Protein backbone atom coordinates (compact mmCIF):
# COMPACT_ATOMS: atom_id res chain seq x y z
CA MET A 1 102.35 178.29 96.83
CA SER A 2 100.82 175.85 99.06
CA THR A 3 97.41 174.39 99.13
CA ARG A 4 94.98 175.32 102.38
CA LYS A 5 93.97 172.66 104.70
CA GLU A 6 90.63 174.25 104.30
CA THR A 7 90.47 172.97 100.49
CA ALA A 8 92.18 169.67 101.46
CA ASP A 9 88.84 169.64 104.18
CA TYR A 10 86.39 170.67 100.96
CA VAL A 11 87.50 168.02 98.68
CA LEU A 12 87.19 165.44 101.78
CA ASP A 13 83.99 167.00 102.80
CA GLN A 14 82.91 166.28 98.99
CA LEU A 15 83.83 162.94 99.22
CA HIS A 16 81.82 161.22 102.24
CA PRO A 17 81.13 158.75 102.79
CA LEU A 18 84.07 157.36 99.98
CA GLU A 19 86.76 155.96 102.69
CA VAL A 20 88.89 158.99 101.44
CA SER A 21 92.17 160.77 103.46
CA THR A 22 94.70 162.99 102.73
CA CYS A 23 98.50 163.37 104.19
CA ALA A 24 100.11 166.68 104.20
CA MET A 25 103.35 166.39 101.99
CA PHE A 26 105.59 169.69 101.59
CA GLY A 27 102.73 172.15 101.87
CA GLU A 28 100.28 169.91 99.56
CA PHE A 29 98.16 167.10 99.81
CA ALA A 30 98.23 163.31 98.82
CA LEU A 31 94.78 162.03 98.57
CA TYR A 32 93.49 158.59 98.89
CA CYS A 33 90.89 156.69 98.62
CA ASP A 34 90.76 152.97 99.37
CA GLY A 35 94.05 152.83 100.63
CA LYS A 36 95.74 154.00 96.61
CA THR A 37 97.16 157.43 96.47
CA VAL A 38 94.51 159.18 93.67
CA ALA A 39 95.28 162.64 93.58
CA PHE A 40 96.80 165.33 94.84
CA ILE A 41 95.99 168.54 95.73
CA CYS A 42 98.87 171.25 94.43
CA ASP A 43 97.98 174.96 94.78
CA ASP A 44 94.37 174.47 95.75
CA THR A 45 93.57 172.35 92.89
CA VAL A 46 93.09 168.54 92.58
CA PHE A 47 95.19 166.60 90.15
CA MET A 48 93.98 163.32 89.27
CA LYS A 49 96.26 160.49 88.24
CA PRO A 50 96.59 160.06 84.54
CA THR A 51 93.59 156.50 84.29
CA PRO A 52 91.39 156.27 81.36
CA VAL A 53 88.58 157.51 84.05
CA GLY A 54 90.55 160.86 83.63
CA GLU A 55 90.35 160.70 80.10
CA GLU A 56 86.48 159.61 79.71
CA LEU A 57 85.36 162.33 82.51
CA LEU A 58 88.19 165.14 82.36
CA GLY A 59 89.54 165.03 78.61
CA PRO A 60 93.14 165.35 77.29
CA ASP A 61 92.83 168.87 77.08
CA SER A 62 92.70 168.76 81.06
CA MET A 63 96.72 167.40 81.08
CA ALA A 64 98.57 169.82 83.11
CA PRO A 65 101.34 169.83 85.58
CA ALA A 66 100.84 169.55 89.53
CA TYR A 67 103.62 171.51 90.56
CA PRO A 68 106.95 172.31 88.51
CA GLY A 69 108.48 169.70 86.95
CA SER A 70 105.94 166.99 87.76
CA LYS A 71 104.55 164.61 85.41
CA LEU A 72 101.16 165.22 83.49
CA TYR A 73 97.81 165.14 85.57
CA TYR A 74 93.87 165.64 85.09
CA GLU A 75 93.40 169.00 86.36
CA VAL A 76 90.09 168.92 87.91
CA PRO A 77 88.11 172.36 86.90
CA GLY A 78 87.54 174.10 90.34
CA ASP A 79 83.46 174.46 89.48
CA SER A 80 83.47 170.62 89.01
CA LEU A 81 84.46 170.35 92.66
CA GLU A 82 81.00 171.23 94.05
CA ASN A 83 79.82 168.60 91.76
CA ARG A 84 79.43 165.85 94.45
CA GLU A 85 78.11 162.66 93.22
CA TRP A 86 80.57 163.47 89.89
CA LEU A 87 83.84 163.85 92.11
CA GLN A 88 82.77 160.70 93.65
CA ASP A 89 82.31 158.89 90.64
CA LEU A 90 85.36 160.61 89.21
CA VAL A 91 87.40 159.51 92.57
CA GLN A 92 86.27 155.57 93.68
CA ARG A 93 86.81 154.71 89.72
CA THR A 94 89.91 155.83 89.47
CA ALA A 95 90.69 154.38 92.97
CA ASP A 96 89.02 151.27 91.53
CA ILE A 97 91.09 150.83 88.34
CA LEU A 98 94.45 152.07 89.90
CA PRO A 99 96.71 148.57 91.24
CA ALA A 100 96.82 148.12 94.75
CA PRO A 101 99.70 149.30 96.87
CA LYS A 102 102.73 147.36 97.42
CA PRO A 103 103.49 146.03 100.92
CA LYS A 104 105.88 148.00 102.96
CA LYS A 105 109.35 146.23 103.69
CA PRO A 106 110.19 146.51 107.15
CA ARG A 107 112.60 148.66 108.30
CA ALA A 108 116.12 147.47 109.46
CA PRO A 109 116.59 147.81 112.96
CA LYS A 110 119.29 150.72 113.93
CA THR A 111 122.61 149.24 114.94
CA LYS A 112 124.40 150.61 117.78
CA SER A 113 128.32 151.87 116.98
């Protein structure tokens, strides 16, 4: 199953005015805050990257794979998505604790053969 765009749009709306965005990936979405990947939206469910913030706000029993074979993430209960302030706190604090992404190396120019 894949995530509906309406779900990703709803999550973005709930997180406004945070600096967030999504990127579609293989029928699912990555959620970015302040340029950092903080979560994935898979099967219409938000999965936060593992951090002490997720442990504090969601607890160890909320750990689940985002998709078959993935590592474990903190699964955000659907009703928690309705609590805008709580969700914004979770996402911003997660972004604050994660390291900045490494700069991408420039691609080598293609050679003609």
